[in-house]
C-alpha atoms as a PDB file:
ATOM      1  CA  MET A   1    -161.108 190.955   4.111  1.00  0.00           C
ATOM      2  CA  THR A   2    -157.782 189.175   4.515  1.00  0.00           C
ATOM      3  CA  ARG A   3    -155.934 187.363   1.739  1.00  0.00           C
ATOM      4  CA  ARG A   4    -154.414 183.941   2.340  1.00  0.00           C
ATOM      5  CA  SER A   5    -152.522 181.502   0.114  1.00  0.00           C
ATOM      6  CA  LEU A   6    -152.874 177.712   0.223  1.00  0.00           C
ATOM      7  CA  GLU A   7    -151.272 174.876  -1.716  1.00  0.00           C
ATOM      8  CA  ALA A   8    -152.282 171.296  -2.444  1.00  0.00           C
ATOM      9  CA  GLU A   9    -151.603 168.602  -4.997  1.00  0.00           C
ATOM     10  CA  VAL A  10    -155.286 168.242  -5.910  1.00  0.00           C
ATOM     11  CA  VAL A  11    -158.091 170.784  -5.527  1.00  0.00           C
ATOM     12  CA  VAL A  12    -161.682 169.611  -5.914  1.00  0.00           C
ATOM     13  CA  ALA A  13    -164.149 172.440  -6.545  1.00  0.00           C
ATOM     14  CA  GLY A  14    -167.629 171.376  -5.487  1.00  0.00           C
ATOM     15  CA  GLY A  15    -168.643 169.190  -2.552  1.00  0.00           C
ATOM     16  CA  GLY A  16    -171.613 167.317  -3.975  1.00  0.00           C
ATOM     17  CA  LEU A  17    -171.451 163.556  -4.299  1.00  0.00           C
ATOM     18  CA  ALA A  18    -169.072 163.725  -7.269  1.00  0.00           C
ATOM     19  CA  GLY A  19    -166.701 166.111  -5.499  1.00  0.00           C
ATOM     20  CA  THR A  20    -166.877 164.265  -2.188  1.00  0.00           C
ATOM     21  CA  CYS A  21    -166.022 160.953  -3.841  1.00  0.00           C
ATOM     22  CA  ALA A  22    -163.301 162.585  -5.964  1.00  0.00           C
ATOM     23  CA  ALA A  23    -161.634 164.063  -2.873  1.00  0.00           C
ATOM     24  CA  ILE A  24    -161.701 160.710  -1.063  1.00  0.00           C
ATOM     25  CA  ALA A  25    -160.347 158.899  -4.134  1.00  0.00           C
ATOM     26  CA  ALA A  26    -157.513 161.402  -4.531  1.00  0.00           C
ATOM     27  CA  ALA A  27    -156.612 161.101  -0.850  1.00  0.00           C
ATOM     28  CA  ARG A  28    -156.597 157.309  -1.062  1.00  0.00           C
ATOM     29  CA  SER A  29    -154.158 157.655  -3.948  1.00  0.00           C
ATOM     30  CA  GLY A  30    -151.796 159.541  -1.662  1.00  0.00           C
ATOM     31  CA  ALA A  31    -152.515 163.114  -2.744  1.00  0.00           C
ATOM     32  CA  ASP A  32    -152.743 166.193  -0.549  1.00  0.00           C
ATOM     33  CA  VAL A  33    -156.277 167.449  -1.253  1.00  0.00           C
ATOM     34  CA  ILE A  34    -158.350 170.582  -0.698  1.00  0.00           C
ATOM     35  CA  LEU A  35    -162.117 170.158  -1.110  1.00  0.00           C
ATOM     36  CA  ILE A  36    -164.040 173.396  -1.723  1.00  0.00           C
ATOM     37  CA  GLN A  37    -167.794 173.593  -1.168  1.00  0.00           C
ATOM     38  CA  ASP A  38    -169.919 176.734  -1.463  1.00  0.00           C
ATOM     39  CA  ARG A  39    -172.572 175.510   0.985  1.00  0.00           C
ATOM     40  CA  PRO A  40    -172.351 174.859   4.764  1.00  0.00           C
ATOM     41  CA  MET A  41    -172.547 171.091   4.235  1.00  0.00           C
ATOM     42  CA  LEU A  42    -171.439 168.481   1.721  1.00  0.00           C
ATOM     43  CA  GLY A  43    -173.763 166.454  -0.458  1.00  0.00           C
ATOM     44  CA  GLY A  44    -175.134 168.868  -3.038  1.00  0.00           C
ATOM     45  CA  ASN A  45    -178.648 167.845  -4.024  1.00  0.00           C
ATOM     46  CA  THR A  46    -178.571 164.977  -1.508  1.00  0.00           C
ATOM     47  CA  SER A  47    -177.849 167.293   1.422  1.00  0.00           C
ATOM     48  CA  SER A  48    -180.428 168.469   3.943  1.00  0.00           C
ATOM     49  CA  GLU A  49    -180.819 171.668   1.906  1.00  0.00           C
ATOM     50  CA  VAL A  50    -182.399 169.854  -1.052  1.00  0.00           C
ATOM     51  CA  ARG A  51    -183.133 166.328   0.260  1.00  0.00           C
ATOM     52  CA  VAL A  52    -182.839 164.174  -2.868  1.00  0.00           C
ATOM     53  CA  HIS A  53    -181.903 160.732  -1.575  1.00  0.00           C
ATOM     54  CA  ALA A  54    -178.799 159.166  -3.117  1.00  0.00           C
ATOM     55  CA  THR A  55    -180.689 156.341  -4.797  1.00  0.00           C
ATOM     56  CA  GLY A  56    -178.895 156.402  -8.122  1.00  0.00           C
ATOM     57  CA  ALA A  57    -179.052 153.420 -10.450  1.00  0.00           C
ATOM     58  CA  ASP A  58    -181.156 151.272  -8.118  1.00  0.00           C
ATOM     59  CA  CYS A  59    -183.993 153.850  -8.239  1.00  0.00           C
ATOM     60  CA  SER A  60    -185.021 153.457  -4.571  1.00  0.00           C
ATOM     61  CA  GLY A  61    -185.216 149.690  -4.932  1.00  0.00           C
ATOM     62  CA  GLY A  62    -186.942 149.745  -8.308  1.00  0.00           C
ATOM     63  CA  ARG A  63    -183.856 148.193  -9.919  1.00  0.00           C
ATOM     64  CA  PRO A  64    -182.363 146.162  -7.053  1.00  0.00           C
ATOM     65  CA  HIS A  65    -179.549 144.674  -9.147  1.00  0.00           C
ATOM     66  CA  ALA A  66    -178.188 148.034 -10.343  1.00  0.00           C
ATOM     67  CA  ARG A  67    -175.681 149.879  -8.143  1.00  0.00           C
ATOM     68  CA  GLU A  68    -173.015 152.541  -8.585  1.00  0.00           C
ATOM     69  CA  ALA A  69    -170.478 150.626  -6.436  1.00  0.00           C
ATOM     70  CA  GLY A  70    -167.195 152.269  -5.505  1.00  0.00           C
ATOM     71  CA  ILE A  71    -166.845 154.939  -2.822  1.00  0.00           C
ATOM     72  CA  LEU A  72    -170.465 156.042  -3.041  1.00  0.00           C
ATOM     73  CA  GLU A  73    -171.652 152.508  -2.336  1.00  0.00           C
ATOM     74  CA  GLU A  74    -169.321 152.316   0.667  1.00  0.00           C
ATOM     75  CA  ILE A  75    -170.895 155.479   2.069  1.00  0.00           C
ATOM     76  CA  ARG A  76    -174.449 154.332   1.338  1.00  0.00           C
ATOM     77  CA  LEU A  77    -173.889 151.009   3.101  1.00  0.00           C
ATOM     78  CA  GLU A  78    -172.694 152.786   6.240  1.00  0.00           C
ATOM     79  CA  ASP A  79    -175.614 155.199   5.987  1.00  0.00           C
ATOM     80  CA  ALA A  80    -178.016 152.231   5.818  1.00  0.00           C
ATOM     81  CA  VAL A  81    -176.681 151.000   9.168  1.00  0.00           C
ATOM     82  CA  ARG A  82    -176.267 154.296  11.014  1.00  0.00           C
ATOM     83  CA  ASN A  83    -179.133 156.289   9.517  1.00  0.00           C
ATOM     84  CA  THR A  84    -182.071 153.894   9.459  1.00  0.00           C
ATOM     85  CA  GLN A  85    -184.510 156.812   9.678  1.00  0.00           C
ATOM     86  CA  ARG A  86    -183.010 158.269   6.468  1.00  0.00           C
ATOM     87  CA  SER A  87    -182.464 161.652   8.105  1.00  0.00           C
ATOM     88  CA  ASN A  88    -181.069 164.160   5.634  1.00  0.00           C
ATOM     89  CA  SER A  89    -179.195 165.980   8.391  1.00  0.00           C
ATOM     90  CA  MET A  90    -177.576 162.721   9.488  1.00  0.00           C
ATOM     91  CA  TRP A  91    -176.560 162.105   5.873  1.00  0.00           C
ATOM     92  CA  ASP A  92    -174.789 165.503   5.941  1.00  0.00           C
ATOM     93  CA  ILE A  93    -172.788 164.413   8.977  1.00  0.00           C
ATOM     94  CA  ILE A  94    -171.899 161.011   7.527  1.00  0.00           C
ATOM     95  CA  LEU A  95    -170.561 162.587   4.335  1.00  0.00           C
ATOM     96  CA  GLU A  96    -168.423 165.060   6.257  1.00  0.00           C
ATOM     97  CA  GLU A  97    -167.221 162.283   8.547  1.00  0.00           C
ATOM     98  CA  TRP A  98    -166.115 160.215   5.565  1.00  0.00           C
ATOM     99  CA  VAL A  99    -164.103 163.092   4.149  1.00  0.00           C
ATOM    100  CA  ARG A 100    -162.524 163.949   7.497  1.00  0.00           C
ATOM    101  CA  ARG A 101    -161.389 160.353   7.954  1.00  0.00           C
ATOM    102  CA  GLU A 102    -158.851 161.123   5.237  1.00  0.00           C
ATOM    103  CA  ASP A 103    -156.026 162.972   6.969  1.00  0.00           C
ATOM    104  CA  SER A 104    -154.813 164.494   3.704  1.00  0.00           C
ATOM    105  CA  VAL A 105    -158.118 166.231   2.858  1.00  0.00           C
ATOM    106  CA  ARG A 106    -158.771 169.804   3.954  1.00  0.00           C
ATOM    107  CA  VAL A 107    -162.426 170.825   3.694  1.00  0.00           C
ATOM    108  CA  LEU A 108    -163.329 174.464   3.025  1.00  0.00           C
ATOM    109  CA  LEU A 109    -167.074 174.967   3.427  1.00  0.00           C
ATOM    110  CA  ASN A 110    -168.906 178.172   2.459  1.00  0.00           C
ATOM    111  CA  THR A 111    -166.172 178.812  -0.094  1.00  0.00           C
ATOM    112  CA  SER A 112    -166.841 179.812  -3.713  1.00  0.00           C
ATOM    113  CA  VAL A 113    -164.588 179.831  -6.758  1.00  0.00           C
ATOM    114  CA  VAL A 114    -164.237 183.365  -8.134  1.00  0.00           C
ATOM    115  CA  SER A 115    -161.550 183.166 -10.817  1.00  0.00           C
ATOM    116  CA  ALA A 116    -158.743 181.040 -12.222  1.00  0.00           C
ATOM    117  CA  ALA A 117    -155.151 181.977 -13.062  1.00  0.00           C
ATOM    118  CA  MET A 118    -153.683 180.078 -15.991  1.00  0.00           C
ATOM    119  CA  THR A 119    -150.132 178.866 -16.575  1.00  0.00           C
ATOM    120  CA  SER A 120    -148.165 179.419 -19.777  1.00  0.00           C
ATOM    121  CA  ALA A 121    -149.034 175.818 -20.688  1.00  0.00           C
ATOM    122  CA  GLY A 122    -152.739 176.621 -20.638  1.00  0.00           C
ATOM    123  CA  THR A 123    -153.499 174.746 -17.424  1.00  0.00           C
ATOM    124  CA  ILE A 124    -154.942 176.110 -14.196  1.00  0.00           C
ATOM    125  CA  GLY A 125    -152.180 177.192 -11.847  1.00  0.00           C
ATOM    126  CA  ALA A 126    -154.245 178.727  -9.070  1.00  0.00           C
ATOM    127  CA  ILE A 127    -157.772 179.774  -8.252  1.00  0.00           C
ATOM    128  CA  THR A 128    -159.127 182.641  -6.207  1.00  0.00           C
ATOM    129  CA  CYS A 129    -161.960 181.840  -3.811  1.00  0.00           C
ATOM    130  CA  SER A 130    -164.231 183.942  -1.633  1.00  0.00           C
ATOM    131  CA  ARG A 131    -164.972 182.813   1.931  1.00  0.00           C
ATOM    132  CA  PRO A 132    -167.433 185.317   3.435  1.00  0.00           C
ATOM    133  CA  TRP A 133    -167.942 183.610   6.788  1.00  0.00           C
ATOM    134  CA  THR A 134    -164.254 184.014   7.667  1.00  0.00           C
ATOM    135  CA  GLU A 135    -163.927 187.250   5.651  1.00  0.00           C
ATOM    136  CA  GLU A 136    -161.119 185.779   3.581  1.00  0.00           C
ATOM    137  CA  GLU A 137    -160.004 185.723  -0.014  1.00  0.00           C
ATOM    138  CA  LEU A 138    -158.091 182.512  -0.691  1.00  0.00           C
ATOM    139  CA  VAL A 139    -155.577 181.920  -3.472  1.00  0.00           C
ATOM    140  CA  ILE A 140    -155.161 178.169  -3.848  1.00  0.00           C
ATOM    141  CA  SER A 141    -152.427 176.615  -5.997  1.00  0.00           C
ATOM    142  CA  ALA A 142    -152.372 172.973  -7.053  1.00  0.00           C
ATOM    143  CA  ASP A 143    -151.023 170.536  -9.618  1.00  0.00           C
ATOM    144  CA  LEU A 144    -154.490 169.296 -10.561  1.00  0.00           C
ATOM    145  CA  PHE A 145    -157.948 170.869 -10.353  1.00  0.00           C
ATOM    146  CA  ILE A 146    -161.197 168.901 -10.589  1.00  0.00           C
ATOM    147  CA  ASP A 147    -164.406 170.768 -11.453  1.00  0.00           C
ATOM    148  CA  CYS A 148    -167.345 169.218  -9.592  1.00  0.00           C
ATOM    149  CA  THR A 149    -169.265 172.466  -9.178  1.00  0.00           C
ATOM    150  CA  GLY A 150    -172.289 171.229 -11.102  1.00  0.00           C
ATOM    151  CA  ASP A 151    -172.434 174.361 -13.255  1.00  0.00           C
ATOM    152  CA  GLY A 152    -168.919 174.016 -14.668  1.00  0.00           C
ATOM    153  CA  THR A 153    -167.917 177.159 -12.781  1.00  0.00           C
ATOM    154  CA  LEU A 154    -164.212 176.382 -12.611  1.00  0.00           C
ATOM    155  CA  GLY A 155    -163.973 175.267 -16.230  1.00  0.00           C
ATOM    156  CA  ALA A 156    -165.739 178.412 -17.391  1.00  0.00           C
ATOM    157  CA  ALA A 157    -163.439 180.571 -15.251  1.00  0.00           C
ATOM    158  CA  ALA A 158    -160.476 178.856 -16.909  1.00  0.00           C
ATOM    159  CA  GLY A 159    -161.786 179.678 -20.372  1.00  0.00           C
ATOM    160  CA  ALA A 160    -162.936 176.184 -21.322  1.00  0.00           C
ATOM    161  CA  ASP A 161    -165.543 175.795 -24.038  1.00  0.00           C
ATOM    162  CA  PHE A 162    -169.016 175.018 -22.744  1.00  0.00           C
ATOM    163  CA  ARG A 163    -172.592 174.845 -23.916  1.00  0.00           C
ATOM    164  CA  ILE A 164    -175.984 175.278 -22.286  1.00  0.00           C
ATOM    165  CA  GLY A 165    -179.127 173.556 -23.468  1.00  0.00           C
ATOM    166  CA  ARG A 166    -180.080 170.556 -25.562  1.00  0.00           C
ATOM    167  CA  GLU A 167    -178.461 169.180 -28.694  1.00  0.00           C
ATOM    168  CA  GLY A 168    -180.370 168.361 -31.849  1.00  0.00           C
ATOM    169  CA  PRO A 169    -181.106 164.858 -33.180  1.00  0.00           C
ATOM    170  CA  ASP A 170    -178.381 164.918 -35.834  1.00  0.00           C
ATOM    171  CA  GLU A 171    -175.417 165.966 -33.697  1.00  0.00           C
ATOM    172  CA  PHE A 172    -174.954 162.649 -31.906  1.00  0.00           C
ATOM    173  CA  GLY A 173    -177.423 160.421 -33.753  1.00  0.00           C
ATOM    174  CA  GLU A 174    -180.241 160.786 -31.208  1.00  0.00           C
ATOM    175  CA  PRO A 175    -183.537 160.679 -33.131  1.00  0.00           C
ATOM    176  CA  ASP A 176    -185.596 161.617 -30.064  1.00  0.00           C
ATOM    177  CA  ALA A 177    -183.523 164.682 -29.146  1.00  0.00           C
ATOM    178  CA  GLU A 178    -185.709 167.794 -29.134  1.00  0.00           C
ATOM    179  CA  GLY A 179    -183.070 170.488 -29.604  1.00  0.00           C
ATOM    180  CA  PRO A 180    -181.041 172.323 -30.464  1.00  0.00           C
ATOM    181  CA  ASP A 181    -182.116 174.990 -28.009  1.00  0.00           C
ATOM    182  CA  ASP A 182    -181.050 176.561 -24.725  1.00  0.00           C
ATOM    183  CA  LYS A 183    -183.595 174.795 -22.515  1.00  0.00           C
ATOM    184  CA  THR A 184    -182.387 173.062 -19.347  1.00  0.00           C
ATOM    185  CA  MET A 185    -183.896 171.359 -16.333  1.00  0.00           C
ATOM    186  CA  GLY A 186    -185.693 173.777 -14.048  1.00  0.00           C
ATOM    187  CA  CYS A 187    -185.254 174.432 -10.348  1.00  0.00           C
ATOM    188  CA  SER A 188    -187.500 172.875  -7.706  1.00  0.00           C
ATOM    189  CA  LEU A 189    -188.602 173.910  -4.228  1.00  0.00           C
ATOM    190  CA  MET A 190    -190.013 171.491  -1.678  1.00  0.00           C
ATOM    191  CA  TRP A 191    -191.368 171.807   1.844  1.00  0.00           C
ATOM    192  CA  ILE A 192    -191.398 169.873   5.094  1.00  0.00           C
ATOM    193  CA  ALA A 193    -194.822 169.643   6.767  1.00  0.00           C
ATOM    194  CA  GLU A 194    -195.762 168.169  10.134  1.00  0.00           C
ATOM    195  CA  ASP A 195    -199.118 166.984  11.434  1.00  0.00           C
ATOM    196  CA  THR A 196    -199.555 168.939  14.666  1.00  0.00           C
ATOM    197  CA  GLY A 197    -202.679 167.035  15.663  1.00  0.00           C
ATOM    198  CA  ALA A 198    -204.676 170.260  15.748  1.00  0.00           C
ATOM    199  CA  PRO A 199    -206.066 172.712  13.182  1.00  0.00           C
ATOM    200  CA  ALA A 200    -203.321 174.832  11.629  1.00  0.00           C
ATOM    201  CA  PRO A 201    -204.836 177.567   9.450  1.00  0.00           C
ATOM    202  CA  PHE A 202    -202.787 178.834   6.522  1.00  0.00           C
ATOM    203  CA  VAL A 203    -203.150 182.165   4.747  1.00  0.00           C
ATOM    204  CA  ALA A 204    -201.150 182.318   1.534  1.00  0.00           C
ATOM    205  CA  PRO A 205    -199.091 185.411   0.704  1.00  0.00           C
ATOM    206  CA  SER A 206    -200.867 187.839  -1.586  1.00  0.00           C
ATOM    207  CA  TRP A 207    -198.407 187.046  -4.371  1.00  0.00           C
ATOM    208  CA  ALA A 208    -198.931 183.269  -4.265  1.00  0.00           C
ATOM    209  CA  ARG A 209    -200.256 181.535  -7.368  1.00  0.00           C
ATOM    210  CA  LYS A 210    -203.877 180.392  -7.248  1.00  0.00           C
ATOM    211  CA  PHE A 211    -204.653 176.681  -7.698  1.00  0.00           C
ATOM    212  CA  GLU A 212    -208.173 176.494  -6.368  1.00  0.00           C
ATOM    213  CA  SER A 213    -209.244 173.256  -8.096  1.00  0.00           C
ATOM    214  CA  LEU A 214    -207.692 170.095  -9.492  1.00  0.00           C
ATOM    215  CA  GLU A 215    -208.273 171.535 -12.952  1.00  0.00           C
ATOM    216  CA  ASP A 216    -205.642 174.110 -12.040  1.00  0.00           C
ATOM    217  CA  LEU A 217    -203.158 171.237 -11.555  1.00  0.00           C
ATOM    218  CA  PRO A 218    -203.992 169.191 -14.660  1.00  0.00           C
ATOM    219  CA  PHE A 219    -200.776 167.209 -14.975  1.00  0.00           C
ATOM    220  CA  ARG A 220    -200.043 166.336 -11.335  1.00  0.00           C
ATOM    221  CA  ARG A 221    -202.060 165.102  -8.391  1.00  0.00           C
ATOM    222  CA  PRO A 222    -200.835 165.877  -4.868  1.00  0.00           C
ATOM    223  CA  GLY A 223    -200.009 162.690  -2.994  1.00  0.00           C
ATOM    224  CA  GLU A 224    -197.649 162.451  -0.007  1.00  0.00           C
ATOM    225  CA  LEU A 225    -198.110 165.810   1.698  1.00  0.00           C
ATOM    226  CA  ARG A 226    -195.251 165.955   4.207  1.00  0.00           C
ATOM    227  CA  HIS A 227    -192.316 166.494   1.878  1.00  0.00           C
ATOM    228  CA  GLY A 228    -193.563 168.640  -0.963  1.00  0.00           C
ATOM    229  CA  PHE A 229    -193.259 167.784  -4.621  1.00  0.00           C
ATOM    230  CA  TRP A 230    -190.299 167.685  -6.964  1.00  0.00           C
ATOM    231  CA  TRP A 231    -192.637 168.740  -9.791  1.00  0.00           C
ATOM    232  CA  ILE A 232    -192.934 172.264  -8.388  1.00  0.00           C
ATOM    233  CA  GLU A 233    -190.292 173.157 -10.971  1.00  0.00           C
ATOM    234  CA  TRP A 234    -189.703 176.288 -13.014  1.00  0.00           C
ATOM    235  CA  GLY A 235    -187.010 178.188 -14.881  1.00  0.00           C
ATOM    236  CA  GLY A 236    -185.837 175.727 -17.514  1.00  0.00           C
ATOM    237  CA  GLU A 237    -186.358 178.279 -20.278  1.00  0.00           C
ATOM    238  CA  LEU A 238    -184.420 180.993 -18.429  1.00  0.00           C
ATOM    239  CA  ASP A 239    -180.752 181.296 -17.481  1.00  0.00           C
ATOM    240  CA  MET A 240    -180.458 178.912 -14.532  1.00  0.00           C
ATOM    241  CA  ILE A 241    -177.584 180.933 -13.070  1.00  0.00           C
ATOM    242  CA  LYS A 242    -178.164 184.589 -13.853  1.00  0.00           C
ATOM    243  CA  ASP A 243    -181.967 184.507 -13.459  1.00  0.00           C
ATOM    244  CA  GLN A 244    -182.016 182.860 -10.033  1.00  0.00           C
ATOM    245  CA  ASP A 245    -183.778 185.764  -8.310  1.00  0.00           C
ATOM    246  CA  GLN A 246    -186.686 185.610 -10.751  1.00  0.00           C
ATOM    247  CA  ILE A 247    -186.792 181.813 -10.606  1.00  0.00           C
ATOM    248  CA  ARG A 248    -186.854 181.770  -6.807  1.00  0.00           C
ATOM    249  CA  GLN A 249    -189.689 184.276  -6.639  1.00  0.00           C
ATOM    250  CA  GLU A 250    -191.856 182.310  -9.075  1.00  0.00           C
ATOM    251  CA  LEU A 251    -191.110 178.999  -7.357  1.00  0.00           C
ATOM    252  CA  LEU A 252    -192.118 180.423  -3.985  1.00  0.00           C
ATOM    253  CA  ALA A 253    -195.345 181.713  -5.531  1.00  0.00           C
ATOM    254  CA  CYS A 254    -196.057 178.242  -6.945  1.00  0.00           C
ATOM    255  CA  LEU A 255    -195.106 176.440  -3.734  1.00  0.00           C
ATOM    256  CA  PHE A 256    -197.364 178.570  -1.552  1.00  0.00           C
ATOM    257  CA  GLY A 257    -200.097 178.257  -4.161  1.00  0.00           C
ATOM    258  CA  VAL A 258    -199.950 174.457  -4.057  1.00  0.00           C
ATOM    259  CA  TRP A 259    -199.885 174.455  -0.249  1.00  0.00           C
ATOM    260  CA  ASP A 260    -202.857 176.826  -0.218  1.00  0.00           C
ATOM    261  CA  HIS A 261    -204.667 174.398  -2.535  1.00  0.00           C
ATOM    262  CA  LEU A 262    -203.988 171.518  -0.140  1.00  0.00           C
ATOM    263  CA  LYS A 263    -204.932 173.441   2.983  1.00  0.00           C
ATOM    264  CA  ASN A 264    -207.890 175.482   1.785  1.00  0.00           C
ATOM    265  CA  HIS A 265    -209.299 173.977  -1.424  1.00  0.00           C
ATOM    266  CA  GLY A 266    -210.275 170.319  -1.513  1.00  0.00           C
ATOM    267  CA  ASP A 267    -210.384 167.354   0.817  1.00  0.00           C
ATOM    268  CA  TYR A 268    -206.850 166.283   1.770  1.00  0.00           C
END
């Protein structure tokens, strides 16, 4: 693995919507920017890997007079014209195109923050990143670092205070708060299904969960079958970072169990 040094005025760690917009905003302000993303595409949860549409405040038309505005709205308006089929893969391309329109932004995909080196003033002076697909270790220096990783990875590496979980009702005057505890949102897995026009038998893996009747799914009813369900969610009472192997295995068992229910148990 080779070691390479880079410099920029602004480094944005995380290429989800927040990081993408931050990189564009910094470039428009005249800064030399490096945008780091640990996945092969931009977009985070809105990318083709996860497929959560960037509906935001308008709630897919449910609140038509509420919008985020700003850079995200600019991108969404172009997407509405060029991506009328709402293809998630096309959304990936549009996001990358928007970033690459800014000549002062360098995009580093498949690149993960590993550690941070601090200055004597207590600020981040440089970060070390791993880039497996080019077999590189990158040391990136900058005047300003923006943490858009979603998990606060860069801030934690720099020694910043952080918390995981829910606050209690008294801490911020929220009478309906259910904490304090360490519970978080869970992870979800979805599927893409296609009607082939012919019988397509499905045999679930032996380790799949069993949901043989609607009584086994008491709180949800399967509806639209092509795209899976966001409510196949699990892991909110575990460590969402360190327990990912366990969470993935259980989610796959639940996903295949729900698909087995749809295919082999009931009239769908």
